[in-house]
PDB file of N, CA and C in Angstrom:
ATOM      1  N   MET A   1     165.946-106.189 159.823  1.00  0.00           N
ATOM      2  CA  MET A   1     166.712-105.177 159.319  1.00  0.00           C
ATOM      3  C   MET A   1     167.290-105.171 158.117  1.00  0.00           C
ATOM      4  N   ASN A   2     167.271-106.059 157.530  1.00  0.00           N
ATOM      5  CA  ASN A   2     168.248-105.605 155.851  1.00  0.00           C
ATOM      6  C   ASN A   2     166.852-105.247 155.259  1.00  0.00           C
ATOM      7  N   ALA A   3     165.539-105.785 155.403  1.00  0.00           N
ATOM      8  CA  ALA A   3     164.451-105.434 154.671  1.00  0.00           C
ATOM      9  C   ALA A   3     164.272-103.602 154.925  1.00  0.00           C
ATOM     10  N   VAL A   4     164.462-103.244 156.198  1.00  0.00           N
ATOM     11  CA  VAL A   4     164.286-101.704 156.041  1.00  0.00           C
ATOM     12  C   VAL A   4     165.494-101.076 155.562  1.00  0.00           C
ATOM     13  N   ARG A   5     166.679-101.797 155.274  1.00  0.00           N
ATOM     14  CA  ARG A   5     167.788-101.054 154.536  1.00  0.00           C
ATOM     15  C   ARG A   5     167.887-101.271 153.125  1.00  0.00           C
ATOM     16  N   GLU A   6     166.904-102.344 152.588  1.00  0.00           N
ATOM     17  CA  GLU A   6     166.759-102.294 151.073  1.00  0.00           C
ATOM     18  C   GLU A   6     165.796-101.502 150.782  1.00  0.00           C
ATOM     19  N   LEU A   7     164.770-101.141 151.693  1.00  0.00           N
ATOM     20  CA  LEU A   7     163.250-100.560 151.519  1.00  0.00           C
ATOM     21  C   LEU A   7     164.408 -99.007 151.418  1.00  0.00           C
ATOM     22  N   LEU A   8     165.173 -98.472 152.311  1.00  0.00           N
ATOM     23  CA  LEU A   8     165.581 -97.422 152.626  1.00  0.00           C
ATOM     24  C   LEU A   8     166.176 -97.190 150.882  1.00  0.00           C
ATOM     25  N   GLY A   9     166.996 -97.877 150.739  1.00  0.00           N
ATOM     26  CA  GLY A   9     167.898 -97.936 149.593  1.00  0.00           C
ATOM     27  C   GLY A   9     166.818 -98.092 148.247  1.00  0.00           C
ATOM     28  N   LEU A  10     166.072 -98.628 148.065  1.00  0.00           N
ATOM     29  CA  LEU A  10     164.928 -98.328 147.241  1.00  0.00           C
ATOM     30  C   LEU A  10     164.416 -97.338 147.039  1.00  0.00           C
ATOM     31  N   ALA A  11     163.953 -96.577 148.215  1.00  0.00           N
ATOM     32  CA  ALA A  11     163.488 -95.314 148.041  1.00  0.00           C
ATOM     33  C   ALA A  11     164.291 -94.395 147.909  1.00  0.00           C
ATOM     34  N   SER A  12     165.719 -94.480 147.879  1.00  0.00           N
ATOM     35  CA  SER A  12     166.573 -93.442 147.699  1.00  0.00           C
ATOM     36  C   SER A  12     166.664 -93.337 145.971  1.00  0.00           C
ATOM     37  N   VAL A  13     166.909 -94.515 145.941  1.00  0.00           N
ATOM     38  CA  VAL A  13     166.869 -94.597 144.149  1.00  0.00           C
ATOM     39  C   VAL A  13     165.952 -93.719 143.096  1.00  0.00           C
ATOM     40  N   ALA A  14     164.813 -94.189 144.535  1.00  0.00           N
ATOM     41  CA  ALA A  14     163.541 -93.546 143.339  1.00  0.00           C
ATOM     42  C   ALA A  14     163.810 -92.168 143.841  1.00  0.00           C
ATOM     43  N   VAL A  15     163.792 -91.401 144.631  1.00  0.00           N
ATOM     44  CA  VAL A  15     164.056 -90.036 144.937  1.00  0.00           C
ATOM     45  C   VAL A  15     164.799 -89.486 144.049  1.00  0.00           C
ATOM     46  N   LEU A  16     165.969 -90.308 143.781  1.00  0.00           N
ATOM     47  CA  LEU A  16     166.971 -89.459 143.056  1.00  0.00           C
ATOM     48  C   LEU A  16     166.750 -89.483 141.587  1.00  0.00           C
ATOM     49  N   THR A  17     166.438 -90.962 140.968  1.00  0.00           N
ATOM     50  CA  THR A  17     165.579 -90.735 139.854  1.00  0.00           C
ATOM     51  C   THR A  17     164.611 -89.834 139.093  1.00  0.00           C
ATOM     52  N   SER A  18     163.888 -89.371 140.282  1.00  0.00           N
ATOM     53  CA  SER A  18     162.329 -88.797 140.103  1.00  0.00           C
ATOM     54  C   SER A  18     163.145 -87.313 139.748  1.00  0.00           C
ATOM     55  N   CYS A  19     164.363 -87.002 140.360  1.00  0.00           N
ATOM     56  CA  CYS A  19     164.510 -85.434 140.761  1.00  0.00           C
ATOM     57  C   CYS A  19     164.323 -84.837 139.182  1.00  0.00           C
ATOM     58  N   ALA A  20     164.930 -85.455 138.222  1.00  0.00           N
ATOM     59  CA  ALA A  20     164.572 -85.038 136.713  1.00  0.00           C
ATOM     60  C   ALA A  20     163.405 -84.727 136.547  1.00  0.00           C
ATOM     61  N   LEU A  21     162.285 -85.454 136.649  1.00  0.00           N
ATOM     62  CA  LEU A  21     161.100 -85.256 136.454  1.00  0.00           C
ATOM     63  C   LEU A  21     160.037 -83.563 136.619  1.00  0.00           C
ATOM     64  N   PHE A  22     161.108 -83.344 137.759  1.00  0.00           N
ATOM     65  CA  PHE A  22     160.860 -82.170 138.574  1.00  0.00           C
ATOM     66  C   PHE A  22     161.483 -81.022 137.668  1.00  0.00           C
ATOM     67  N   GLN A  23     162.535 -81.254 136.929  1.00  0.00           N
ATOM     68  CA  GLN A  23     163.074 -79.802 136.242  1.00  0.00           C
ATOM     69  C   GLN A  23     162.286 -79.333 135.317  1.00  0.00           C
ATOM     70  N   THR A  24     162.583 -78.429 135.129  1.00  0.00           N
ATOM     71  CA  THR A  24     161.436 -77.485 134.319  1.00  0.00           C
ATOM     72  C   THR A  24     162.449 -77.772 133.038  1.00  0.00           C
ATOM     73  N   ASP A  25     161.782 -77.331 131.933  1.00  0.00           N
ATOM     74  CA  ASP A  25     162.232 -77.293 130.306  1.00  0.00           C
ATOM     75  C   ASP A  25     163.818 -77.004 130.384  1.00  0.00           C
ATOM     76  N   ALA A  26     163.950 -75.572 131.058  1.00  0.00           N
ATOM     77  CA  ALA A  26     164.738 -74.447 131.158  1.00  0.00           C
ATOM     78  C   ALA A  26     165.925 -75.226 131.724  1.00  0.00           C
ATOM     79  N   GLU A  27     165.413 -75.815 132.977  1.00  0.00           N
ATOM     80  CA  GLU A  27     166.446 -76.472 133.521  1.00  0.00           C
ATOM     81  C   GLU A  27     167.308 -78.037 132.909  1.00  0.00           C
ATOM     82  N   ARG A  28     166.333 -78.489 132.494  1.00  0.00           N
ATOM     83  CA  ARG A  28     166.939 -79.549 131.266  1.00  0.00           C
ATOM     84  C   ARG A  28     167.747 -79.054 130.234  1.00  0.00           C
ATOM     85  N   GLY A  29     167.313 -78.101 129.841  1.00  0.00           N
ATOM     86  CA  GLY A  29     168.061 -77.142 128.481  1.00  0.00           C
ATOM     87  C   GLY A  29     169.159 -76.617 129.017  1.00  0.00           C
ATOM     88  N   ARG A  30     169.648 -76.524 130.058  1.00  0.00           N
ATOM     89  CA  ARG A  30     170.905 -75.828 130.087  1.00  0.00           C
ATOM     90  C   ARG A  30     171.703 -77.381 130.685  1.00  0.00           C
ATOM     91  N   HIS A  31     171.494 -78.329 130.912  1.00  0.00           N
ATOM     92  CA  HIS A  31     172.063 -79.376 130.865  1.00  0.00           C
ATOM     93  C   HIS A  31     172.782 -79.889 129.426  1.00  0.00           C
ATOM     94  N   VAL A  32     171.720 -80.065 128.583  1.00  0.00           N
ATOM     95  CA  VAL A  32     172.020 -80.399 127.197  1.00  0.00           C
ATOM     96  C   VAL A  32     172.917 -78.515 126.605  1.00  0.00           C
ATOM     97  N   ALA A  33     172.527 -77.499 126.870  1.00  0.00           N
ATOM     98  CA  ALA A  33     173.220 -76.788 126.439  1.00  0.00           C
ATOM     99  C   ALA A  33     174.883 -76.953 127.109  1.00  0.00           C
ATOM    100  N   ASP A  34     174.827 -77.311 128.290  1.00  0.00           N
ATOM    101  CA  ASP A  34     176.123 -77.520 128.890  1.00  0.00           C
ATOM    102  C   ASP A  34     176.819 -78.565 128.124  1.00  0.00           C
ATOM    103  N   LYS A  35     176.393 -79.601 127.783  1.00  0.00           N
ATOM    104  CA  LYS A  35     176.965 -80.565 126.642  1.00  0.00           C
ATOM    105  C   LYS A  35     177.570 -80.632 125.373  1.00  0.00           C
ATOM    106  N   TRP A  36     176.222 -79.790 124.867  1.00  0.00           N
ATOM    107  CA  TRP A  36     176.173 -79.610 123.529  1.00  0.00           C
ATOM    108  C   TRP A  36     177.098 -78.049 122.851  1.00  0.00           C
ATOM    109  N   CYS A  37     176.873 -77.611 123.698  1.00  0.00           N
ATOM    110  CA  CYS A  37     177.054 -75.874 123.390  1.00  0.00           C
ATOM    111  C   CYS A  37     178.133 -74.973 123.823  1.00  0.00           C
ATOM    112  N   SER A  38     178.411 -75.601 125.324  1.00  0.00           N
ATOM    113  CA  SER A  38     179.592 -74.771 126.005  1.00  0.00           C
ATOM    114  C   SER A  38     181.055 -74.480 125.450  1.00  0.00           C
ATOM    115  N   GLU A  39     181.119 -75.189 124.526  1.00  0.00           N
ATOM    116  CA  GLU A  39     182.337 -75.279 124.321  1.00  0.00           C
ATOM    117  C   GLU A  39     183.148 -73.739 123.287  1.00  0.00           C
ATOM    118  N   CYS A  40     181.865 -73.684 122.712  1.00  0.00           N
ATOM    119  CA  CYS A  40     181.832 -72.433 121.633  1.00  0.00           C
ATOM    120  C   CYS A  40     181.041 -71.326 122.209  1.00  0.00           C
ATOM    121  N   HIS A  41     180.287 -71.418 123.060  1.00  0.00           N
ATOM    122  CA  HIS A  41     179.383 -70.043 123.702  1.00  0.00           C
ATOM    123  C   HIS A  41     179.320 -70.106 124.920  1.00  0.00           C
ATOM    124  N   ARG A  42     178.992 -69.082 125.187  1.00  0.00           N
ATOM    125  CA  ARG A  42     179.204 -68.560 126.575  1.00  0.00           C
ATOM    126  C   ARG A  42     177.592 -68.892 126.801  1.00  0.00           C
ATOM    127  N   ILE A  43     177.020 -69.991 127.710  1.00  0.00           N
ATOM    128  CA  ILE A  43     175.775 -70.550 127.757  1.00  0.00           C
ATOM    129  C   ILE A  43     175.165 -69.713 129.316  1.00  0.00           C
ATOM    130  N   ALA A  44     175.824 -68.849 129.957  1.00  0.00           N
ATOM    131  CA  ALA A  44     175.467 -68.947 131.264  1.00  0.00           C
ATOM    132  C   ALA A  44     175.911 -67.588 131.861  1.00  0.00           C
ATOM    133  N   PRO A  45     175.133 -66.384 132.880  1.00  0.00           N
ATOM    134  CA  PRO A  45     175.943 -65.644 132.919  1.00  0.00           C
ATOM    135  C   PRO A  45     176.956 -66.078 133.798  1.00  0.00           C
ATOM    136  N   ASP A  46     177.165 -66.936 134.548  1.00  0.00           N
ATOM    137  CA  ASP A  46     178.085 -67.500 135.476  1.00  0.00           C
ATOM    138  C   ASP A  46     178.957 -68.166 135.009  1.00  0.00           C
ATOM    139  N   GLN A  47     179.322 -68.284 133.595  1.00  0.00           N
ATOM    140  CA  GLN A  47     180.184 -69.318 132.973  1.00  0.00           C
ATOM    141  C   GLN A  47     181.414 -67.776 132.393  1.00  0.00           C
ATOM    142  N   PRO A  48     182.453 -68.036 132.719  1.00  0.00           N
ATOM    143  CA  PRO A  48     183.731 -67.040 132.655  1.00  0.00           C
ATOM    144  C   PRO A  48     183.645 -66.816 131.043  1.00  0.00           C
ATOM    145  N   SER A  49     183.539 -67.752 130.314  1.00  0.00           N
ATOM    146  CA  SER A  49     184.140 -67.588 128.962  1.00  0.00           C
ATOM    147  C   SER A  49     183.197 -68.090 127.797  1.00  0.00           C
ATOM    148  N   GLY A  50     183.638 -68.604 126.633  1.00  0.00           N
ATOM    149  CA  GLY A  50     182.618 -69.214 125.789  1.00  0.00           C
ATOM    150  C   GLY A  50     183.442 -70.551 125.747  1.00  0.00           C
ATOM    151  N   MET A  51     183.859 -71.021 126.867  1.00  0.00           N
ATOM    152  CA  MET A  51     184.384 -72.528 126.517  1.00  0.00           C
ATOM    153  C   MET A  51     184.344 -73.296 127.717  1.00  0.00           C
ATOM    154  N   ARG A  52     183.646 -74.459 127.553  1.00  0.00           N
ATOM    155  CA  ARG A  52     183.547 -75.848 128.731  1.00  0.00           C
ATOM    156  C   ARG A  52     184.674 -75.569 129.615  1.00  0.00           C
ATOM    157  N   ALA A  53     184.701 -75.803 130.713  1.00  0.00           N
ATOM    158  CA  ALA A  53     185.749 -76.190 131.729  1.00  0.00           C
ATOM    159  C   ALA A  53     186.612 -77.215 130.977  1.00  0.00           C
ATOM    160  N   GLY A  54     187.749 -77.148 131.568  1.00  0.00           N
ATOM    161  CA  GLY A  54     189.032 -77.808 130.803  1.00  0.00           C
ATOM    162  C   GLY A  54     189.185 -77.830 129.541  1.00  0.00           C
ATOM    163  N   HIS A  55     188.450 -76.956 128.808  1.00  0.00           N
ATOM    164  CA  HIS A  55     189.045 -77.075 127.448  1.00  0.00           C
ATOM    165  C   HIS A  55     190.225 -75.707 127.376  1.00  0.00           C
ATOM    166  N   VAL A  56     191.313 -76.714 126.484  1.00  0.00           N
ATOM    167  CA  VAL A  56     192.547 -75.455 126.616  1.00  0.00           C
ATOM    168  C   VAL A  56     192.680 -74.498 125.393  1.00  0.00           C
ATOM    169  N   LEU A  57     192.285 -74.809 124.356  1.00  0.00           N
ATOM    170  CA  LEU A  57     192.028 -73.723 123.076  1.00  0.00           C
ATOM    171  C   LEU A  57     190.673 -73.023 123.221  1.00  0.00           C
ATOM    172  N   PRO A  58     190.863 -71.597 122.818  1.00  0.00           N
ATOM    173  CA  PRO A  58     189.487 -71.198 123.019  1.00  0.00           C
ATOM    174  C   PRO A  58     189.356 -71.557 121.427  1.00  0.00           C
ATOM    175  N   PRO A  59     187.440 -70.957 121.364  1.00  0.00           N
ATOM    176  CA  PRO A  59     186.747 -71.217 120.188  1.00  0.00           C
ATOM    177  C   PRO A  59     187.357 -70.734 119.003  1.00  0.00           C
ATOM    178  N   SER A  60     187.040 -71.446 117.610  1.00  0.00           N
ATOM    179  CA  SER A  60     187.613 -71.236 116.268  1.00  0.00           C
ATOM    180  C   SER A  60     187.039 -69.258 115.912  1.00  0.00           C
ATOM    181  N   ILE A  61     185.763 -69.291 116.415  1.00  0.00           N
ATOM    182  CA  ILE A  61     185.262 -68.279 115.848  1.00  0.00           C
ATOM    183  C   ILE A  61     184.640 -67.792 117.321  1.00  0.00           C
ATOM    184  N   ALA A  62     184.163 -66.206 117.189  1.00  0.00           N
ATOM    185  CA  ALA A  62     183.550 -65.959 118.444  1.00  0.00           C
ATOM    186  C   ALA A  62     182.160 -66.278 118.320  1.00  0.00           C
ATOM    187  N   ALA A  63     181.283 -66.769 118.968  1.00  0.00           N
ATOM    188  CA  ALA A  63     180.303 -67.610 119.018  1.00  0.00           C
ATOM    189  C   ALA A  63     179.319 -66.581 119.811  1.00  0.00           C
ATOM    190  N   PRO A  64     178.238 -66.345 119.593  1.00  0.00           N
ATOM    191  CA  PRO A  64     177.061 -65.420 120.545  1.00  0.00           C
ATOM    192  C   PRO A  64     176.589 -65.999 121.970  1.00  0.00           C
ATOM    193  N   SER A  65     176.840 -65.259 122.911  1.00  0.00           N
ATOM    194  CA  SER A  65     176.603 -65.602 124.060  1.00  0.00           C
ATOM    195  C   SER A  65     174.964 -66.455 124.045  1.00  0.00           C
ATOM    196  N   PHE A  66     174.691 -66.946 124.615  1.00  0.00           N
ATOM    197  CA  PHE A  66     173.318 -67.176 124.966  1.00  0.00           C
ATOM    198  C   PHE A  66     172.562 -66.127 125.609  1.00  0.00           C
ATOM    199  N   MET A  67     173.040 -65.250 126.232  1.00  0.00           N
ATOM    200  CA  MET A  67     172.643 -64.071 126.869  1.00  0.00           C
ATOM    201  C   MET A  67     172.460 -63.131 125.861  1.00  0.00           C
ATOM    202  N   ASP A  68     173.074 -62.918 124.555  1.00  0.00           N
ATOM    203  CA  ASP A  68     173.127 -61.906 123.344  1.00  0.00           C
ATOM    204  C   ASP A  68     171.861 -62.541 122.787  1.00  0.00           C
ATOM    205  N   VAL A  69     172.065 -63.390 122.666  1.00  0.00           N
ATOM    206  CA  VAL A  69     170.783 -64.073 121.432  1.00  0.00           C
ATOM    207  C   VAL A  69     169.539 -63.710 122.307  1.00  0.00           C
ATOM    208  N   ALA A  70     169.082 -64.181 123.804  1.00  0.00           N
ATOM    209  CA  ALA A  70     167.996 -63.998 124.165  1.00  0.00           C
ATOM    210  C   ALA A  70     167.345 -62.756 124.187  1.00  0.00           C
ATOM    211  N   ALA A  71     168.744 -61.874 124.201  1.00  0.00           N
ATOM    212  CA  ALA A  71     168.120 -60.216 124.306  1.00  0.00           C
ATOM    213  C   ALA A  71     167.676 -59.387 123.086  1.00  0.00           C
ATOM    214  N   LYS A  72     167.552 -60.649 121.812  1.00  0.00           N
ATOM    215  CA  LYS A  72     167.305 -59.751 120.681  1.00  0.00           C
ATOM    216  C   LYS A  72     165.688 -59.827 120.702  1.00  0.00           C
ATOM    217  N   PRO A  73     164.970 -58.690 120.653  1.00  0.00           N
ATOM    218  CA  PRO A  73     163.472 -59.009 120.632  1.00  0.00           C
ATOM    219  C   PRO A  73     163.163 -59.572 119.521  1.00  0.00           C
ATOM    220  N   SER A  74     164.096 -59.982 118.375  1.00  0.00           N
ATOM    221  CA  SER A  74     163.163 -60.699 117.260  1.00  0.00           C
ATOM    222  C   SER A  74     163.260 -62.325 117.526  1.00  0.00           C
ATOM    223  N   VAL A  75     164.054 -62.387 118.547  1.00  0.00           N
ATOM    224  CA  VAL A  75     164.102 -64.033 118.821  1.00  0.00           C
ATOM    225  C   VAL A  75     162.928 -64.620 119.582  1.00  0.00           C
ATOM    226  N   THR A  76     162.641 -65.778 118.605  1.00  0.00           N
ATOM    227  CA  THR A  76     161.144 -66.351 119.206  1.00  0.00           C
ATOM    228  C   THR A  76     161.459 -67.978 119.429  1.00  0.00           C
ATOM    229  N   VAL A  77     160.259 -68.574 120.212  1.00  0.00           N
ATOM    230  CA  VAL A  77     160.387 -69.765 119.747  1.00  0.00           C
ATOM    231  C   VAL A  77     160.483 -70.497 118.548  1.00  0.00           C
ATOM    232  N   GLU A  78     160.079 -69.905 117.521  1.00  0.00           N
ATOM    233  CA  GLU A  78     159.822 -70.253 116.340  1.00  0.00           C
ATOM    234  C   GLU A  78     161.142 -70.217 115.772  1.00  0.00           C
ATOM    235  N   SER A  79     161.959 -68.983 115.488  1.00  0.00           N
ATOM    236  CA  SER A  79     163.184 -68.539 114.932  1.00  0.00           C
ATOM    237  C   SER A  79     163.778 -69.726 115.696  1.00  0.00           C
ATOM    238  N   LEU A  80     164.149 -69.700 116.891  1.00  0.00           N
ATOM    239  CA  LEU A  80     165.041 -70.603 117.585  1.00  0.00           C
ATOM    240  C   LEU A  80     165.064 -72.079 117.281  1.00  0.00           C
ATOM    241  N   ASP A  81     164.093 -72.528 116.706  1.00  0.00           N
ATOM    242  CA  ASP A  81     163.426 -73.840 116.452  1.00  0.00           C
ATOM    243  C   ASP A  81     163.859 -73.990 114.973  1.00  0.00           C
ATOM    244  N   HIS A  82     163.693 -72.632 114.537  1.00  0.00           N
ATOM    245  CA  HIS A  82     164.240 -73.129 112.677  1.00  0.00           C
ATOM    246  C   HIS A  82     165.410 -72.964 112.635  1.00  0.00           C
ATOM    247  N   PHE A  83     165.875 -72.096 113.214  1.00  0.00           N
ATOM    248  CA  PHE A  83     167.925 -72.030 113.311  1.00  0.00           C
ATOM    249  C   PHE A  83     168.345 -73.185 113.743  1.00  0.00           C
ATOM    250  N   LEU A  84     167.918 -73.897 114.684  1.00  0.00           N
ATOM    251  CA  LEU A  84     168.460 -75.034 115.453  1.00  0.00           C
ATOM    252  C   LEU A  84     168.544 -76.058 114.789  1.00  0.00           C
ATOM    253  N   ARG A  85     167.572 -76.737 113.459  1.00  0.00           N
ATOM    254  CA  ARG A  85     167.314 -77.389 112.786  1.00  0.00           C
ATOM    255  C   ARG A  85     167.918 -77.222 111.340  1.00  0.00           C
ATOM    256  N   GLU A  86     168.455 -76.282 111.220  1.00  0.00           N
ATOM    257  CA  GLU A  86     169.660 -75.809 109.940  1.00  0.00           C
ATOM    258  C   GLU A  86     171.046 -76.018 109.970  1.00  0.00           C
ATOM    259  N   VAL A  87     171.458 -76.312 108.845  1.00  0.00           N
ATOM    260  CA  VAL A  87     173.253 -76.062 109.587  1.00  0.00           C
ATOM    261  C   VAL A  87     173.610 -74.843 109.193  1.00  0.00           C
ATOM    262  N   HIS A  88     174.389 -74.367 109.928  1.00  0.00           N
ATOM    263  CA  HIS A  88     175.175 -73.094 110.057  1.00  0.00           C
ATOM    264  C   HIS A  88     176.755 -73.399 110.034  1.00  0.00           C
ATOM    265  N   LEU A  89     177.409 -73.707 109.028  1.00  0.00           N
ATOM    266  CA  LEU A  89     178.781 -73.427 109.231  1.00  0.00           C
ATOM    267  C   LEU A  89     179.590 -72.397 110.181  1.00  0.00           C
ATOM    268  N   PRO A  90     180.312 -72.351 110.977  1.00  0.00           N
ATOM    269  CA  PRO A  90     181.168 -73.735 111.182  1.00  0.00           C
ATOM    270  C   PRO A  90     180.559 -73.885 112.374  1.00  0.00           C
ATOM    271  N   MET A  91     179.482 -73.632 112.939  1.00  0.00           N
ATOM    272  CA  MET A  91     178.643 -74.531 113.961  1.00  0.00           C
ATOM    273  C   MET A  91     178.528 -76.190 113.345  1.00  0.00           C
ATOM    274  N   PRO A  92     178.981 -76.717 114.543  1.00  0.00           N
ATOM    275  CA  PRO A  92     178.867 -78.139 114.306  1.00  0.00           C
ATOM    276  C   PRO A  92     177.497 -78.425 113.812  1.00  0.00           C
ATOM    277  N   THR A  93     177.136 -79.455 113.167  1.00  0.00           N
ATOM    278  CA  THR A  93     175.835 -80.217 113.130  1.00  0.00           C
ATOM    279  C   THR A  93     175.544 -80.716 114.205  1.00  0.00           C
ATOM    280  N   TYR A  94     175.035 -80.819 115.006  1.00  0.00           N
ATOM    281  CA  TYR A  94     174.244 -81.380 116.353  1.00  0.00           C
ATOM    282  C   TYR A  94     172.904 -81.269 115.792  1.00  0.00           C
ATOM    283  N   ARG A  95     172.315 -82.682 116.151  1.00  0.00           N
ATOM    284  CA  ARG A  95     171.233 -82.964 115.676  1.00  0.00           C
ATOM    285  C   ARG A  95     170.226 -83.495 116.707  1.00  0.00           C
ATOM    286  N   LEU A  96     169.740 -82.136 117.849  1.00  0.00           N
ATOM    287  CA  LEU A  96     169.552 -82.847 119.039  1.00  0.00           C
ATOM    288  C   LEU A  96     168.089 -82.888 118.584  1.00  0.00           C
ATOM    289  N   ARG A  97     167.324 -84.049 119.592  1.00  0.00           N
ATOM    290  CA  ARG A  97     166.195 -84.548 119.597  1.00  0.00           C
ATOM    291  C   ARG A  97     165.011 -83.303 120.094  1.00  0.00           C
ATOM    292  N   ASP A  98     163.749 -83.656 119.348  1.00  0.00           N
ATOM    293  CA  ASP A  98     162.872 -82.534 119.381  1.00  0.00           C
ATOM    294  C   ASP A  98     163.150 -82.114 121.430  1.00  0.00           C
ATOM    295  N   ASP A  99     163.172 -83.294 121.940  1.00  0.00           N
ATOM    296  CA  ASP A  99     162.554 -82.321 123.471  1.00  0.00           C
ATOM    297  C   ASP A  99     163.836 -82.124 123.822  1.00  0.00           C
ATOM    298  N   GLU A 100     164.662 -81.985 123.065  1.00  0.00           N
ATOM    299  CA  GLU A 100     166.078 -81.462 123.588  1.00  0.00           C
ATOM    300  C   GLU A 100     166.321 -80.287 122.952  1.00  0.00           C
ATOM    301  N   ARG A 101     165.689 -80.209 121.949  1.00  0.00           N
ATOM    302  CA  ARG A 101     165.586 -78.565 121.121  1.00  0.00           C
ATOM    303  C   ARG A 101     164.436 -77.517 121.745  1.00  0.00           C
ATOM    304  N   ALA A 102     163.821 -78.261 122.264  1.00  0.00           N
ATOM    305  CA  ALA A 102     162.863 -77.116 123.015  1.00  0.00           C
ATOM    306  C   ALA A 102     163.189 -77.611 124.102  1.00  0.00           C
ATOM    307  N   GLU A 103     163.802 -78.261 124.810  1.00  0.00           N
ATOM    308  CA  GLU A 103     164.419 -77.827 126.448  1.00  0.00           C
ATOM    309  C   GLU A 103     165.487 -76.534 125.947  1.00  0.00           C
ATOM    310  N   VAL A 104     166.422 -76.720 125.002  1.00  0.00           N
ATOM    311  CA  VAL A 104     167.749 -75.193 125.058  1.00  0.00           C
ATOM    312  C   VAL A 104     166.799 -74.642 124.440  1.00  0.00           C
ATOM    313  N   ILE A 105     165.933 -74.331 123.814  1.00  0.00           N
ATOM    314  CA  ILE A 105     165.182 -72.991 123.781  1.00  0.00           C
ATOM    315  C   ILE A 105     164.391 -72.241 124.569  1.00  0.00           C
ATOM    316  N   ALA A 106     163.640 -73.359 125.695  1.00  0.00           N
ATOM    317  CA  ALA A 106     163.295 -72.635 126.962  1.00  0.00           C
ATOM    318  C   ALA A 106     164.489 -72.249 127.742  1.00  0.00           C
ATOM    319  N   TYR A 107     165.299 -72.692 127.639  1.00  0.00           N
ATOM    320  CA  TYR A 107     166.560 -72.330 128.373  1.00  0.00           C
ATOM    321  C   TYR A 107     166.799 -70.859 127.922  1.00  0.00           C
ATOM    322  N   ILE A 108     166.969 -70.877 126.924  1.00  0.00           N
ATOM    323  CA  ILE A 108     168.060 -69.653 126.157  1.00  0.00           C
ATOM    324  C   ILE A 108     166.825 -68.432 126.340  1.00  0.00           C
ATOM    325  N   LEU A 109     165.524 -68.670 126.057  1.00  0.00           N
ATOM    326  CA  LEU A 109     164.521 -67.406 126.376  1.00  0.00           C
ATOM    327  C   LEU A 109     164.681 -66.950 128.108  1.00  0.00           C
ATOM    328  N   SER A 110     164.832 -68.261 128.516  1.00  0.00           N
ATOM    329  CA  SER A 110     164.514 -67.880 130.107  1.00  0.00           C
ATOM    330  C   SER A 110     165.682 -67.075 130.632  1.00  0.00           C
ATOM    331  N   LEU A 111     166.921 -66.651 129.866  1.00  0.00           N
ATOM    332  CA  LEU A 111     168.023 -65.420 130.069  1.00  0.00           C
ATOM    333  C   LEU A 111     167.438 -64.666 129.638  1.00  0.00           C
ATOM    334  N   ARG A 112     166.078 -64.515 129.007  1.00  0.00           N
ATOM    335  CA  ARG A 112     166.016 -62.637 128.606  1.00  0.00           C
ATOM    336  C   ARG A 112     165.839 -61.812 129.810  1.00  0.00           C
ATOM    337  N   PRO A 113     166.429 -60.399 129.348  1.00  0.00           N
ATOM    338  CA  PRO A 113     166.469 -59.755 130.452  1.00  0.00           C
ATOM    339  C   PRO A 113     164.981 -59.380 131.026  1.00  0.00           C
ATOM    340  N   HIS A 114     164.795 -59.414 132.149  1.00  0.00           N
ATOM    341  CA  HIS A 114     163.507 -59.243 132.857  1.00  0.00           C
ATOM    342  C   HIS A 114     163.491 -57.448 132.724  1.00  0.00           C
ATOM    343  N   GLN A 115     162.130 -56.965 132.304  1.00  0.00           N
ATOM    344  CA  GLN A 115     161.655 -55.808 131.959  1.00  0.00           C
ATOM    345  C   GLN A 115     161.105 -54.998 133.139  1.00  0.00           C
ATOM    346  N   SER A 116     161.288 -53.839 133.533  1.00  0.00           N
ATOM    347  CA  SER A 116     161.340 -53.689 134.921  1.00  0.00           C
ATOM    348  C   SER A 116     159.538 -52.664 134.773  1.00  0.00           C
TER     349      SER A 116
END
């Protein structure tokens, strides 16, 4: 019986750790953006303001929402990649890994309004 419990425990761990493997780049990008960007930017339509939950003070500047950025016709993978590699004060200088940057870009572009 202990062997069955141990096997079920190992199977549960395997399922939980593999869940991240099945996320899309955009889904992983949402998590990165929530961690690094939501302090100032409104990163999702369901986020009530441009600040992370529990943050008391408003952002020091009016940072554009990710939806506004995504809606600009001039925004491309290349333009976002270039922007995220450069320093833009007063934006903090976060150094995202290449995969994180690609995931955030995929997430931003996933917010584009759908054309009917």
